[in-house]
Amino acid sequence: MNLFTSGRLNEYLASVDALAVDMFFRLATKYSDRQGVTEQLKSENQFLWIQKMNNILACVREVVENDIIYS
């Protein structure tokens, strides 16, 4: 409520959003590199690539939400 009344709520929310987006893309890249999800896999087996990327993105989303959004 203090952020709202002081007029700093939008600034705070924008910084949290930027932090969350940055963490999301860093972790998604890191996880996909670790699991071998590459453009070569994408061209060879699209369904497997989609399956792995969906799993990675769900895991990353959960980490970001727990560490930044809900903490």
PDB file of N, CA and C in Angstrom:
ATOM      1  N   MET A   1       0.819  -1.179   0.000  1.00  0.00           N
ATOM      2  CA  MET A   1       0.000   0.000   0.000  1.00  0.00           C
ATOM      3  C   MET A   1       0.871   1.254   0.000  1.00  0.00           C
ATOM      4  N   ASN A   2       2.025   1.156   0.684  1.00  0.00           N
ATOM      5  CA  ASN A   2       2.927   2.312   0.725  1.00  0.00           C
ATOM      6  C   ASN A   2       3.435   2.671  -0.663  1.00  0.00           C
ATOM      7  N   LEU A   3       3.754   1.659  -1.462  1.00  0.00           N
ATOM      8  CA  LEU A   3       4.217   1.919  -2.826  1.00  0.00           C
ATOM      9  C   LEU A   3       3.127   2.597  -3.649  1.00  0.00           C
ATOM     10  N   PHE A   4       1.898   2.175  -3.460  1.00  0.00           N
ATOM     11  CA  PHE A   4       0.784   2.757  -4.205  1.00  0.00           C
ATOM     12  C   PHE A   4       0.578   4.214  -3.829  1.00  0.00           C
ATOM     13  N   THR A   5       0.546   4.489  -2.555  1.00  0.00           N
ATOM     14  CA  THR A   5       0.277   5.857  -2.109  1.00  0.00           C
ATOM     15  C   THR A   5       1.440   6.798  -2.391  1.00  0.00           C
ATOM     16  N   SER A   6       2.654   6.261  -2.454  1.00  0.00           N
ATOM     17  CA  SER A   6       3.806   7.122  -2.736  1.00  0.00           C
ATOM     18  C   SER A   6       4.037   7.297  -4.233  1.00  0.00           C
ATOM     19  N   GLY A   7       3.274   6.578  -5.066  1.00  0.00           N
ATOM     20  CA  GLY A   7       3.398   6.711  -6.514  1.00  0.00           C
ATOM     21  C   GLY A   7       4.555   5.914  -7.101  1.00  0.00           C
ATOM     22  N   ARG A   8       5.103   4.980  -6.341  1.00  0.00           N
ATOM     23  CA  ARG A   8       6.245   4.189  -6.817  1.00  0.00           C
ATOM     24  C   ARG A   8       5.865   2.756  -7.184  1.00  0.00           C
ATOM     25  N   LEU A   9       4.591   2.437  -7.184  1.00  0.00           N
ATOM     26  CA  LEU A   9       4.157   1.074  -7.464  1.00  0.00           C
ATOM     27  C   LEU A   9       4.509   0.652  -8.878  1.00  0.00           C
ATOM     28  N   ASN A  10       4.252   1.483  -9.874  1.00  0.00           N
ATOM     29  CA  ASN A  10       4.551   1.124 -11.261  1.00  0.00           C
ATOM     30  C   ASN A  10       6.038   0.902 -11.465  1.00  0.00           C
ATOM     31  N   GLU A  11       6.860   1.735 -10.846  1.00  0.00           N
ATOM     32  CA  GLU A  11       8.315   1.586 -10.941  1.00  0.00           C
ATOM     33  C   GLU A  11       8.759   0.254 -10.341  1.00  0.00           C
ATOM     34  N   TYR A  12       8.207  -0.089  -9.189  1.00  0.00           N
ATOM     35  CA  TYR A  12       8.535  -1.350  -8.532  1.00  0.00           C
ATOM     36  C   TYR A  12       8.100  -2.544  -9.382  1.00  0.00           C
ATOM     37  N   LEU A  13       6.882  -2.498  -9.888  1.00  0.00           N
ATOM     38  CA  LEU A  13       6.377  -3.603 -10.710  1.00  0.00           C
ATOM     39  C   LEU A  13       7.179  -3.756 -11.994  1.00  0.00           C
ATOM     40  N   ALA A  14       7.588  -2.667 -12.598  1.00  0.00           N
ATOM     41  CA  ALA A  14       8.404  -2.722 -13.809  1.00  0.00           C
ATOM     42  C   ALA A  14       9.762  -3.352 -13.525  1.00  0.00           C
ATOM     43  N   SER A  15      10.352  -3.045 -12.386  1.00  0.00           N
ATOM     44  CA  SER A  15      11.650  -3.637 -12.056  1.00  0.00           C
ATOM     45  C   SER A  15      11.519  -5.133 -11.768  1.00  0.00           C
ATOM     46  N   VAL A  16      10.454  -5.534 -11.101  1.00  0.00           N
ATOM     47  CA  VAL A  16      10.223  -6.958 -10.842  1.00  0.00           C
ATOM     48  C   VAL A  16       9.985  -7.695 -12.156  1.00  0.00           C
ATOM     49  N   ASP A  17       9.223  -7.092 -13.056  1.00  0.00           N
ATOM     50  CA  ASP A  17       8.958  -7.694 -14.355  1.00  0.00           C
ATOM     51  C   ASP A  17      10.248  -7.862 -15.154  1.00  0.00           C
ATOM     52  N   ALA A  18      11.087  -6.836 -15.176  1.00  0.00           N
ATOM     53  CA  ALA A  18      12.349  -6.913 -15.913  1.00  0.00           C
ATOM     54  C   ALA A  18      13.252  -7.997 -15.332  1.00  0.00           C
ATOM     55  N   LEU A  19      13.298  -8.090 -14.023  1.00  0.00           N
ATOM     56  CA  LEU A  19      14.099  -9.119 -13.360  1.00  0.00           C
ATOM     57  C   LEU A  19      13.575 -10.514 -13.692  1.00  0.00           C
ATOM     58  N   ALA A  20      12.262 -10.682 -13.680  1.00  0.00           N
ATOM     59  CA  ALA A  20      11.652 -11.979 -13.978  1.00  0.00           C
ATOM     60  C   ALA A  20      11.892 -12.391 -15.430  1.00  0.00           C
ATOM     61  N   VAL A  21      11.753 -11.456 -16.358  1.00  0.00           N
ATOM     62  CA  VAL A  21      11.971 -11.762 -17.779  1.00  0.00           C
ATOM     63  C   VAL A  21      13.422 -12.143 -18.018  1.00  0.00           C
ATOM     64  N   ASP A  22      14.339 -11.389 -17.425  1.00  0.00           N
ATOM     65  CA  ASP A  22      15.764 -11.696 -17.569  1.00  0.00           C
ATOM     66  C   ASP A  22      16.088 -13.081 -17.025  1.00  0.00           C
ATOM     67  N   MET A  23      15.591 -13.387 -15.839  1.00  0.00           N
ATOM     68  CA  MET A  23      15.841 -14.695 -15.237  1.00  0.00           C
ATOM     69  C   MET A  23      15.220 -15.812 -16.068  1.00  0.00           C
ATOM     70  N   PHE A  24      14.028 -15.578 -16.591  1.00  0.00           N
ATOM     71  CA  PHE A  24      13.343 -16.585 -17.397  1.00  0.00           C
ATOM     72  C   PHE A  24      14.173 -16.968 -18.618  1.00  0.00           C
ATOM     73  N   PHE A  25      14.649 -15.968 -19.367  1.00  0.00           N
ATOM     74  CA  PHE A  25      15.399 -16.266 -20.587  1.00  0.00           C
ATOM     75  C   PHE A  25      16.775 -16.864 -20.285  1.00  0.00           C
ATOM     76  N   ARG A  26      17.418 -16.403 -19.211  1.00  0.00           N
ATOM     77  CA  ARG A  26      18.709 -16.992 -18.837  1.00  0.00           C
ATOM     78  C   ARG A  26      18.552 -18.461 -18.473  1.00  0.00           C
ATOM     79  N   LEU A  27      17.552 -18.768 -17.641  1.00  0.00           N
ATOM     80  CA  LEU A  27      17.339 -20.152 -17.223  1.00  0.00           C
ATOM     81  C   LEU A  27      16.879 -21.040 -18.376  1.00  0.00           C
ATOM     82  N   ALA A  28      16.028 -20.521 -19.239  1.00  0.00           N
ATOM     83  CA  ALA A  28      15.565 -21.319 -20.377  1.00  0.00           C
ATOM     84  C   ALA A  28      16.733 -21.684 -21.278  1.00  0.00           C
ATOM     85  N   THR A  29      17.629 -20.744 -21.515  1.00  0.00           N
ATOM     86  CA  THR A  29      18.810 -21.031 -22.334  1.00  0.00           C
ATOM     87  C   THR A  29      19.714 -22.039 -21.645  1.00  0.00           C
ATOM     88  N   LYS A  30      19.923 -21.849 -20.363  1.00  0.00           N
ATOM     89  CA  LYS A  30      20.794 -22.745 -19.593  1.00  0.00           C
ATOM     90  C   LYS A  30      20.233 -24.170 -19.571  1.00  0.00           C
ATOM     91  N   TYR A  31      18.945 -24.301 -19.279  1.00  0.00           N
ATOM     92  CA  TYR A  31      18.319 -25.619 -19.213  1.00  0.00           C
ATOM     93  C   TYR A  31      18.323 -26.307 -20.582  1.00  0.00           C
ATOM     94  N   SER A  32      18.043 -25.567 -21.640  1.00  0.00           N
ATOM     95  CA  SER A  32      18.019 -26.194 -22.963  1.00  0.00           C
ATOM     96  C   SER A  32      19.421 -26.628 -23.390  1.00  0.00           C
ATOM     97  N   ASP A  33      20.441 -25.866 -23.026  1.00  0.00           N
ATOM     98  CA  ASP A  33      21.815 -26.280 -23.317  1.00  0.00           C
ATOM     99  C   ASP A  33      22.175 -27.550 -22.556  1.00  0.00           C
ATOM    100  N   ARG A  34      21.802 -27.603 -21.296  1.00  0.00           N
ATOM    101  CA  ARG A  34      22.100 -28.787 -20.477  1.00  0.00           C
ATOM    102  C   ARG A  34      21.426 -30.049 -21.020  1.00  0.00           C
ATOM    103  N   GLN A  35      20.208 -29.890 -21.521  1.00  0.00           N
ATOM    104  CA  GLN A  35      19.444 -31.055 -21.968  1.00  0.00           C
ATOM    105  C   GLN A  35      19.636 -31.356 -23.451  1.00  0.00           C
ATOM    106  N   GLY A  36      20.500 -30.612 -24.096  1.00  0.00           N
ATOM    107  CA  GLY A  36      20.797 -30.881 -25.498  1.00  0.00           C
ATOM    108  C   GLY A  36      19.685 -30.531 -26.465  1.00  0.00           C
ATOM    109  N   VAL A  37      18.873 -29.557 -26.108  1.00  0.00           N
ATOM    110  CA  VAL A  37      17.791 -29.124 -26.985  1.00  0.00           C
ATOM    111  C   VAL A  37      18.373 -28.070 -27.922  1.00  0.00           C
ATOM    112  N   THR A  38      18.666 -28.487 -29.142  1.00  0.00           N
ATOM    113  CA  THR A  38      19.350 -27.627 -30.100  1.00  0.00           C
ATOM    114  C   THR A  38      18.503 -27.437 -31.357  1.00  0.00           C
ATOM    115  N   GLU A  39      19.001 -26.560 -32.224  1.00  0.00           N
ATOM    116  CA  GLU A  39      18.336 -26.358 -33.516  1.00  0.00           C
ATOM    117  C   GLU A  39      18.444 -27.622 -34.369  1.00  0.00           C
ATOM    118  N   GLN A  40      19.495 -28.387 -34.170  1.00  0.00           N
ATOM    119  CA  GLN A  40      19.636 -29.647 -34.904  1.00  0.00           C
ATOM    120  C   GLN A  40      18.527 -30.613 -34.497  1.00  0.00           C
ATOM    121  N   LEU A  41      18.264 -30.721 -33.197  1.00  0.00           N
ATOM    122  CA  LEU A  41      17.166 -31.568 -32.723  1.00  0.00           C
ATOM    123  C   LEU A  41      15.841 -31.063 -33.289  1.00  0.00           C
ATOM    124  N   LYS A  42      15.690 -29.758 -33.347  1.00  0.00           N
ATOM    125  CA  LYS A  42      14.462 -29.169 -33.877  1.00  0.00           C
ATOM    126  C   LYS A  42      14.240 -29.571 -35.331  1.00  0.00           C
ATOM    127  N   SER A  43      15.311 -29.593 -36.110  1.00  0.00           N
ATOM    128  CA  SER A  43      15.168 -29.947 -37.521  1.00  0.00           C
ATOM    129  C   SER A  43      15.001 -31.452 -37.718  1.00  0.00           C
ATOM    130  N   GLU A  44      15.555 -32.244 -36.815  1.00  0.00           N
ATOM    131  CA  GLU A  44      15.474 -33.700 -36.959  1.00  0.00           C
ATOM    132  C   GLU A  44      14.192 -34.289 -36.386  1.00  0.00           C
ATOM    133  N   ASN A  45      13.758 -33.784 -35.250  1.00  0.00           N
ATOM    134  CA  ASN A  45      12.588 -34.353 -34.578  1.00  0.00           C
ATOM    135  C   ASN A  45      11.818 -33.226 -33.886  1.00  0.00           C
ATOM    136  N   GLN A  46      10.919 -32.605 -34.604  1.00  0.00           N
ATOM    137  CA  GLN A  46      10.199 -31.433 -34.095  1.00  0.00           C
ATOM    138  C   GLN A  46       9.333 -31.746 -32.880  1.00  0.00           C
ATOM    139  N   PHE A  47       8.702 -32.905 -32.882  1.00  0.00           N
ATOM    140  CA  PHE A  47       7.827 -33.247 -31.769  1.00  0.00           C
ATOM    141  C   PHE A  47       8.606 -33.443 -30.478  1.00  0.00           C
ATOM    142  N   LEU A  48       9.757 -34.074 -30.555  1.00  0.00           N
ATOM    143  CA  LEU A  48      10.603 -34.240 -29.375  1.00  0.00           C
ATOM    144  C   LEU A  48      11.110 -32.884 -28.899  1.00  0.00           C
ATOM    145  N   TRP A  49      11.494 -32.016 -29.828  1.00  0.00           N
ATOM    146  CA  TRP A  49      11.960 -30.681 -29.475  1.00  0.00           C
ATOM    147  C   TRP A  49      10.867 -29.900 -28.757  1.00  0.00           C
ATOM    148  N   ILE A  50       9.649 -29.954 -29.282  1.00  0.00           N
ATOM    149  CA  ILE A  50       8.518 -29.263 -28.655  1.00  0.00           C
ATOM    150  C   ILE A  50       8.255 -29.813 -27.265  1.00  0.00           C
ATOM    151  N   GLN A  51       8.281 -31.126 -27.137  1.00  0.00           N
ATOM    152  CA  GLN A  51       8.047 -31.764 -25.841  1.00  0.00           C
ATOM    153  C   GLN A  51       9.088 -31.311 -24.818  1.00  0.00           C
ATOM    154  N   LYS A  52      10.352 -31.324 -25.206  1.00  0.00           N
ATOM    155  CA  LYS A  52      11.414 -30.926 -24.292  1.00  0.00           C
ATOM    156  C   LYS A  52      11.344 -29.444 -23.958  1.00  0.00           C
ATOM    157  N   MET A  53      11.077 -28.610 -24.960  1.00  0.00           N
ATOM    158  CA  MET A  53      11.000 -27.173 -24.709  1.00  0.00           C
ATOM    159  C   MET A  53       9.805 -26.829 -23.818  1.00  0.00           C
ATOM    160  N   ASN A  54       8.681 -27.470 -24.017  1.00  0.00           N
ATOM    161  CA  ASN A  54       7.526 -27.232 -23.153  1.00  0.00           C
ATOM    162  C   ASN A  54       7.840 -27.607 -21.706  1.00  0.00           C
ATOM    163  N   ASN A  55       8.551 -28.724 -21.525  1.00  0.00           N
ATOM    164  CA  ASN A  55       8.938 -29.144 -20.188  1.00  0.00           C
ATOM    165  C   ASN A  55       9.903 -28.135 -19.568  1.00  0.00           C
ATOM    166  N   ILE A  56      10.891 -27.696 -20.340  1.00  0.00           N
ATOM    167  CA  ILE A  56      11.860 -26.721 -19.850  1.00  0.00           C
ATOM    168  C   ILE A  56      11.163 -25.421 -19.472  1.00  0.00           C
ATOM    169  N   LEU A  57      10.305 -24.929 -20.337  1.00  0.00           N
ATOM    170  CA  LEU A  57       9.624 -23.654 -20.072  1.00  0.00           C
ATOM    171  C   LEU A  57       8.711 -23.738 -18.849  1.00  0.00           C
ATOM    172  N   ALA A  58       8.069 -24.881 -18.646  1.00  0.00           N
ATOM    173  CA  ALA A  58       7.229 -25.056 -17.461  1.00  0.00           C
ATOM    174  C   ALA A  58       8.076 -25.051 -16.192  1.00  0.00           C
ATOM    175  N   CYS A  59       9.216 -25.716 -16.243  1.00  0.00           N
ATOM    176  CA  CYS A  59      10.115 -25.732 -15.079  1.00  0.00           C
ATOM    177  C   CYS A  59      10.666 -24.343 -14.789  1.00  0.00           C
ATOM    178  N   VAL A  60      11.082 -23.653 -15.828  1.00  0.00           N
ATOM    179  CA  VAL A  60      11.628 -22.304 -15.658  1.00  0.00           C
ATOM    180  C   VAL A  60      10.557 -21.361 -15.125  1.00  0.00           C
ATOM    181  N   ARG A  61       9.361 -21.462 -15.646  1.00  0.00           N
ATOM    182  CA  ARG A  61       8.264 -20.609 -15.178  1.00  0.00           C
ATOM    183  C   ARG A  61       8.022 -20.830 -13.686  1.00  0.00           C
ATOM    184  N   GLU A  62       8.057 -22.084 -13.250  1.00  0.00           N
ATOM    185  CA  GLU A  62       7.851 -22.400 -11.841  1.00  0.00           C
ATOM    186  C   GLU A  62       8.967 -21.811 -10.974  1.00  0.00           C
ATOM    187  N   VAL A  63      10.202 -21.919 -11.430  1.00  0.00           N
ATOM    188  CA  VAL A  63      11.330 -21.371 -10.674  1.00  0.00           C
ATOM    189  C   VAL A  63      11.210 -19.858 -10.559  1.00  0.00           C
ATOM    190  N   VAL A  64      10.917 -19.195 -11.661  1.00  0.00           N
ATOM    191  CA  VAL A  64      10.807 -17.732 -11.655  1.00  0.00           C
ATOM    192  C   VAL A  64       9.646 -17.292 -10.756  1.00  0.00           C
ATOM    193  N   GLU A  65       8.533 -17.954 -10.854  1.00  0.00           N
ATOM    194  CA  GLU A  65       7.391 -17.579 -10.022  1.00  0.00           C
ATOM    195  C   GLU A  65       7.706 -17.758  -8.545  1.00  0.00           C
ATOM    196  N   ASN A  66       8.359 -18.859  -8.184  1.00  0.00           N
ATOM    197  CA  ASN A  66       8.675 -19.104  -6.777  1.00  0.00           C
ATOM    198  C   ASN A  66       9.750 -18.161  -6.255  1.00  0.00           C
ATOM    199  N   ASP A  67      10.753 -17.879  -7.069  1.00  0.00           N
ATOM    200  CA  ASP A  67      11.879 -17.075  -6.596  1.00  0.00           C
ATOM    201  C   ASP A  67      11.635 -15.572  -6.658  1.00  0.00           C
ATOM    202  N   ILE A  68      10.875 -15.120  -7.636  1.00  0.00           N
ATOM    203  CA  ILE A  68      10.715 -13.674  -7.807  1.00  0.00           C
ATOM    204  C   ILE A  68       9.285 -13.210  -7.552  1.00  0.00           C
ATOM    205  N   ILE A  69       8.336 -13.843  -8.186  1.00  0.00           N
ATOM    206  CA  ILE A  69       6.959 -13.338  -8.134  1.00  0.00           C
ATOM    207  C   ILE A  69       6.325 -13.544  -6.754  1.00  0.00           C
ATOM    208  N   TYR A  70       6.425 -14.746  -6.218  1.00  0.00           N
ATOM    209  CA  TYR A  70       5.716 -15.046  -4.978  1.00  0.00           C
ATOM    210  C   TYR A  70       6.567 -14.933  -3.724  1.00  0.00           C
ATOM    211  N   SER A  71       7.805 -14.477  -3.853  1.00  0.00           N
ATOM    212  CA  SER A  71       8.651 -14.378  -2.644  1.00  0.00           C
ATOM    213  C   SER A  71       8.581 -13.009  -2.030  1.00  0.00           C
TER     214      SER A  71
END
